[in-house]
């Protein structure tokens, strides 16, 4: 980071726009990516992270996307306050964590000529591979990863529900203690005795530790990403099926 800032200070066009990470089946929404992108984006505002999926690309669909952290998430990460109250106050959800930056790939004329030449030399079987109606293991693996993330989300929900019950139970105990204290002071006052000294309620009733909610948001974001991948894959398969049905109807 220091070298990048020094190069920019002397007006050297170093063309550094961030960093990249390879992934598989769209599994990239994690705390490690969040922390790394925050470090880059905090140092250089226009930094992005490129996400490349070699498995999806090998199946004939280029998977290359660029993301940035939203301004809301940048403020949360600067404060390092991931409590439920802070996230609720910031009104941030998993859909407000990352913003996608459009990517435009331009090839030189020589590369375009090479691509055309390779396309002419490709076999007929390779050209018709995209029309294969058989379902690969991509959908099965995506659904398996989706179920794993849903299980993680369920565990986090159980933790948060336990925290909520503990907070409610403590509030009831605190309220009952205050009522007993008030009644006792009233009785002492009627007998002409001095009231009991006030005690520090925060020391007597320490609030339970709130579970961090940032991990839950990341899990929700990853679940959403898996759902988008499944939707895209199934849409392509349905298109192939409708096209095959139409071709069979003409025969």
Protein backbone atom coordinates (compact mmCIF):
# COMPACT_ATOMS: atom_id res chain seq x y z
CA UNK A 1 0.00 0.00 0.00
CA UNK A 2 2.81 2.41 0.85
CA UNK A 3 4.48 1.76 -2.51
CA UNK A 4 1.19 2.39 -4.33
CA UNK A 5 0.71 5.70 -2.54
CA UNK A 6 4.30 6.70 -3.31
CA UNK A 7 3.85 5.93 -7.01
CA UNK A 8 0.69 7.99 -7.12
CA UNK A 9 2.41 10.85 -5.28
CA UNK A 10 5.01 11.18 -8.06
CA UNK A 11 2.31 10.88 -10.77
CA UNK A 12 3.37 7.47 -12.07
CA UNK A 13 0.58 5.68 -13.88
CA UNK A 14 0.86 2.33 -12.15
CA UNK A 15 -2.63 1.19 -13.26
CA UNK A 16 -3.35 -0.51 -9.96
CA UNK A 17 -7.10 -0.87 -9.42
CA UNK A 18 -7.20 -3.46 -6.64
CA UNK A 19 -6.70 -7.20 -6.43
CA UNK A 20 -8.23 -10.45 -7.64
CA UNK A 21 -9.39 -13.72 -6.15
CA UNK A 22 -10.22 -17.02 -7.80
CA UNK A 23 -13.23 -18.93 -6.53
CA UNK A 24 -15.32 -21.97 -7.33
CA UNK A 25 -19.09 -22.12 -7.75
CA UNK A 26 -19.35 -18.48 -6.64
CA UNK A 27 -18.03 -19.08 -3.10
CA UNK A 28 -16.33 -15.76 -2.45
CA UNK A 29 -18.45 -13.84 0.08
CA UNK A 30 -16.39 -14.24 3.24
CA UNK A 31 -14.91 -12.25 6.12
CA UNK A 32 -11.42 -12.55 4.62
CA UNK A 33 -12.57 -10.91 1.37
CA UNK A 34 -14.38 -8.20 3.32
CA UNK A 35 -11.32 -7.34 5.40
CA UNK A 36 -8.96 -7.37 2.41
CA UNK A 37 -11.21 -5.22 0.24
CA UNK A 38 -11.74 -2.78 3.09
CA UNK A 39 -7.96 -2.38 3.46
CA UNK A 40 -7.53 -1.75 -0.26
CA UNK A 41 -10.54 0.54 -0.59
CA UNK A 42 -9.65 2.48 2.54
CA UNK A 43 -6.17 3.19 1.15
CA UNK A 44 -7.25 3.74 -2.49
CA UNK A 45 -10.87 4.72 -2.90
CA UNK A 46 -11.36 3.35 -6.43
CA UNK A 47 -9.98 -0.12 -5.63
CA UNK A 48 -12.04 -3.12 -6.74
CA UNK A 49 -11.76 -6.88 -6.33
CA UNK A 50 -11.96 -9.12 -9.39
CA UNK A 51 -13.68 -12.47 -8.83
CA UNK A 52 -12.76 -15.21 -11.32
CA UNK A 53 -14.44 -18.62 -11.40
CA UNK A 54 -12.28 -21.07 -13.43
CA UNK A 55 -14.80 -23.93 -13.16
CA UNK A 56 -17.64 -21.93 -14.68
CA UNK A 57 -15.31 -20.44 -17.28
CA UNK A 58 -14.14 -23.92 -18.33
CA UNK A 59 -17.79 -24.78 -19.12
CA UNK A 60 -17.88 -22.07 -21.77
CA UNK A 61 -19.19 -19.07 -19.79
CA UNK A 62 -16.65 -16.45 -18.75
CA UNK A 63 -17.09 -15.75 -15.04
CA UNK A 64 -15.29 -12.50 -14.24
CA UNK A 65 -16.91 -9.88 -12.03
CA UNK A 66 -15.70 -6.80 -10.15
CA UNK A 67 -17.04 -5.67 -6.77
CA UNK A 68 -16.61 -2.81 -4.35
CA UNK A 69 -17.82 -2.23 -0.81
CA UNK A 70 -20.76 0.14 -0.55
CA UNK A 71 -20.31 3.45 1.34
CA UNK A 72 -22.60 2.18 4.11
CA UNK A 73 -20.47 -0.91 4.67
CA UNK A 74 -17.28 1.17 4.58
CA UNK A 75 -18.60 3.30 7.44
CA UNK A 76 -19.53 0.21 9.45
CA UNK A 77 -16.08 -1.32 8.92
CA UNK A 78 -14.39 1.93 9.96
CA UNK A 79 -16.35 1.99 13.22
CA UNK A 80 -15.80 -1.79 13.71
CA UNK A 81 -19.18 -1.98 15.38
CA UNK A 82 -21.00 -5.06 14.12
CA UNK A 83 -23.60 -5.29 16.88
CA UNK A 84 -27.26 -5.78 15.93
CA UNK A 85 -28.08 -2.24 17.09
CA UNK A 86 -25.36 -0.67 14.93
CA UNK A 87 -26.35 -2.59 11.81
CA UNK A 88 -30.01 -1.79 12.38
CA UNK A 89 -29.21 1.89 12.81
CA UNK A 90 -27.18 1.89 9.59
CA UNK A 91 -30.07 0.09 7.83
CA UNK A 92 -27.70 -2.25 6.04
CA UNK A 93 -28.55 -5.71 4.71
CA UNK A 94 -26.74 -8.28 2.63
CA UNK A 95 -27.99 -6.59 -0.55
CA UNK A 96 -26.26 -3.34 0.52
CA UNK A 97 -22.81 -4.83 1.18
CA UNK A 98 -21.24 -5.10 -2.27
CA UNK A 99 -21.81 -3.15 -5.44
CA UNK A 100 -20.89 -4.68 -8.79
CA UNK A 101 -18.73 -2.69 -11.16
CA UNK A 102 -19.37 -3.38 -14.87
CA UNK A 103 -16.47 -4.93 -16.78
CA UNK A 104 -15.82 -4.27 -20.47
CA UNK A 105 -13.20 -6.50 -22.12
CA UNK A 106 -11.63 -5.25 -25.32
CA UNK A 107 -9.29 -7.32 -27.45
CA UNK A 108 -6.77 -6.12 -29.95
CA UNK A 109 -7.35 -6.82 -33.64
CA UNK A 110 -4.71 -9.57 -33.59
CA UNK A 111 -6.52 -11.35 -30.75
CA UNK A 112 -9.83 -11.09 -32.62
CA UNK A 113 -8.23 -12.64 -35.73
CA UNK A 114 -6.79 -15.44 -33.58
CA UNK A 115 -10.21 -16.14 -32.03
CA UNK A 116 -11.86 -16.33 -35.44
CA UNK A 117 -9.14 -18.68 -36.66
CA UNK A 118 -9.59 -20.94 -33.63
CA UNK A 119 -13.34 -20.96 -34.14
CA UNK A 120 -12.93 -22.08 -37.76
CA UNK A 121 -10.61 -24.90 -36.68
CA UNK A 122 -12.90 -26.16 -33.93
CA UNK A 123 -14.70 -29.46 -34.50
CA UNK A 124 -18.44 -29.84 -34.97
CA UNK A 125 -18.77 -31.75 -31.70
CA UNK A 126 -17.25 -28.86 -29.76
CA UNK A 127 -19.59 -26.35 -31.36
CA UNK A 128 -22.64 -28.39 -30.37
CA UNK A 129 -21.42 -28.99 -26.81
CA UNK A 130 -23.49 -26.07 -25.52
CA UNK A 131 -26.66 -27.79 -26.74
CA UNK A 132 -26.03 -30.86 -24.58
CA UNK A 133 -29.19 -31.55 -22.56
CA UNK A 134 -27.44 -33.58 -19.88
CA UNK A 135 -27.11 -31.82 -16.54
CA UNK A 136 -23.54 -31.54 -15.23
CA UNK A 137 -22.51 -31.69 -11.58
CA UNK A 138 -22.49 -27.88 -11.42
CA UNK A 139 -26.11 -27.72 -10.27
CA UNK A 140 -25.64 -30.52 -7.74
CA UNK A 141 -22.54 -28.90 -6.23
CA UNK A 142 -24.20 -25.48 -6.07
CA UNK A 143 -27.22 -26.90 -4.26
CA UNK A 144 -24.97 -28.75 -1.82
CA UNK A 145 -23.06 -25.56 -1.01
CA UNK A 146 -26.36 -23.71 -0.70
CA UNK A 147 -27.65 -26.22 1.85
CA UNK A 148 -24.43 -25.92 3.87
CA UNK A 149 -24.80 -22.15 4.03
CA UNK A 150 -28.46 -22.46 5.00
CA UNK A 151 -27.39 -24.71 7.90
CA UNK A 152 -24.87 -22.07 8.99
CA UNK A 153 -27.58 -19.43 8.83
CA UNK A 154 -29.86 -21.60 10.96
CA UNK A 155 -27.16 -21.93 13.62
CA UNK A 156 -26.63 -18.17 13.68
CA UNK A 157 -30.37 -17.61 14.04
CA UNK A 158 -30.43 -19.97 17.02
CA UNK A 159 -27.58 -18.02 18.63
CA UNK A 160 -29.36 -14.72 18.10
CA UNK A 161 -32.65 -16.08 19.46
CA UNK A 162 -30.81 -17.30 22.56
CA UNK A 163 -29.30 -13.85 22.99
CA UNK A 164 -32.72 -12.22 22.64
CA UNK A 165 -34.23 -14.52 25.27
CA UNK A 166 -31.38 -13.80 27.67
CA UNK A 167 -31.81 -10.05 27.23
CA UNK A 168 -35.56 -10.32 27.82
CA UNK A 169 -35.04 -12.49 30.89
CA UNK A 170 -32.50 -10.05 32.33
CA UNK A 171 -34.84 -7.11 31.76
CA UNK A 172 -37.56 -8.92 33.70
CA UNK A 173 -35.18 -9.68 36.56
CA UNK A 174 -34.05 -6.07 36.63
CA UNK A 175 -37.64 -4.83 36.68
CA UNK A 176 -38.56 -7.22 39.51
CA UNK A 177 -35.53 -6.13 41.53
CA UNK A 178 -36.44 -2.45 41.13
CA UNK A 179 -40.00 -3.17 42.26
CA UNK A 180 -38.82 -5.06 45.36
CA UNK A 181 -36.39 -2.27 46.13
CA UNK A 182 -39.11 0.36 45.83
CA UNK A 183 -41.49 -1.59 48.09
CA UNK A 184 -38.79 -2.09 50.72
CA UNK A 185 -37.91 1.62 50.73
CA UNK A 186 -41.61 2.47 51.10
CA UNK A 187 -41.89 0.20 54.14
CA UNK A 188 -38.70 1.64 55.66
CA UNK A 189 -40.01 5.17 55.12
CA UNK A 190 -43.26 4.30 56.90
CA UNK A 191 -41.25 3.05 59.89
CA UNK A 192 -39.12 6.19 59.89
CA UNK A 193 -35.99 4.37 58.74
CA UNK A 194 -33.59 5.75 56.09
CA UNK A 195 -33.93 4.47 52.55
CA UNK A 196 -31.53 1.88 51.23
CA UNK A 197 -28.56 3.28 49.29
CA UNK A 198 -28.80 3.18 45.52
CA UNK A 199 -26.76 0.49 43.80
CA UNK A 200 -25.15 0.42 40.38
CA UNK A 201 -27.57 -1.59 38.27
CA UNK A 202 -25.04 -2.04 35.46
CA UNK A 203 -22.73 -3.97 37.77
CA UNK A 204 -25.50 -6.13 39.18
CA UNK A 205 -27.04 -6.95 35.80
CA UNK A 206 -24.32 -7.15 33.18
CA UNK A 207 -25.85 -7.29 29.69
CA UNK A 208 -25.17 -10.51 27.76
CA UNK A 209 -22.66 -10.38 24.94
CA UNK A 210 -24.40 -9.75 21.64
CA UNK A 211 -23.39 -12.13 18.81
CA UNK A 212 -21.69 -10.38 15.88
CA UNK A 213 -24.11 -9.96 13.01
CA UNK A 214 -21.59 -9.30 10.24
CA UNK A 215 -20.97 -13.03 9.76
CA UNK A 216 -24.71 -13.54 9.40
CA UNK A 217 -24.88 -10.86 6.71
CA UNK A 218 -22.00 -12.50 4.85
CA UNK A 219 -23.75 -15.87 4.99
CA UNK A 220 -26.95 -14.27 3.68
CA UNK A 221 -24.99 -12.65 0.86
CA UNK A 222 -23.38 -15.96 -0.06
CA UNK A 223 -26.78 -17.69 -0.03
CA UNK A 224 -28.10 -15.04 -2.39
CA UNK A 225 -25.10 -15.60 -4.67
CA UNK A 226 -25.71 -19.35 -4.77
CA UNK A 227 -29.37 -18.76 -5.59
CA UNK A 228 -28.40 -16.49 -8.49
CA UNK A 229 -26.03 -19.17 -9.82
CA UNK A 230 -28.71 -21.86 -9.58
CA UNK A 231 -31.22 -19.56 -11.27
CA UNK A 232 -28.81 -18.82 -14.11
CA UNK A 233 -27.93 -22.49 -14.61
CA UNK A 234 -31.53 -23.72 -14.55
CA UNK A 235 -32.61 -20.94 -16.94
CA UNK A 236 -30.05 -22.14 -19.50
CA UNK A 237 -31.20 -25.75 -19.12
CA UNK A 238 -34.86 -24.78 -19.49
CA UNK A 239 -33.99 -22.86 -22.64
CA UNK A 240 -32.30 -25.95 -24.08
CA UNK A 241 -35.32 -28.11 -23.21
CA UNK A 242 -37.79 -25.73 -24.87
CA UNK A 243 -35.58 -25.54 -27.94
CA UNK A 244 -35.31 -29.35 -28.11
CA UNK A 245 -39.09 -29.64 -27.78
CA UNK A 246 -39.58 -27.20 -30.63
CA UNK A 247 -37.11 -29.12 -32.84
CA UNK A 248 -38.85 -32.41 -32.09
CA UNK A 249 -42.18 -30.86 -33.00
CA UNK A 250 -40.93 -30.02 -36.49
CA UNK A 251 -39.68 -33.57 -37.09
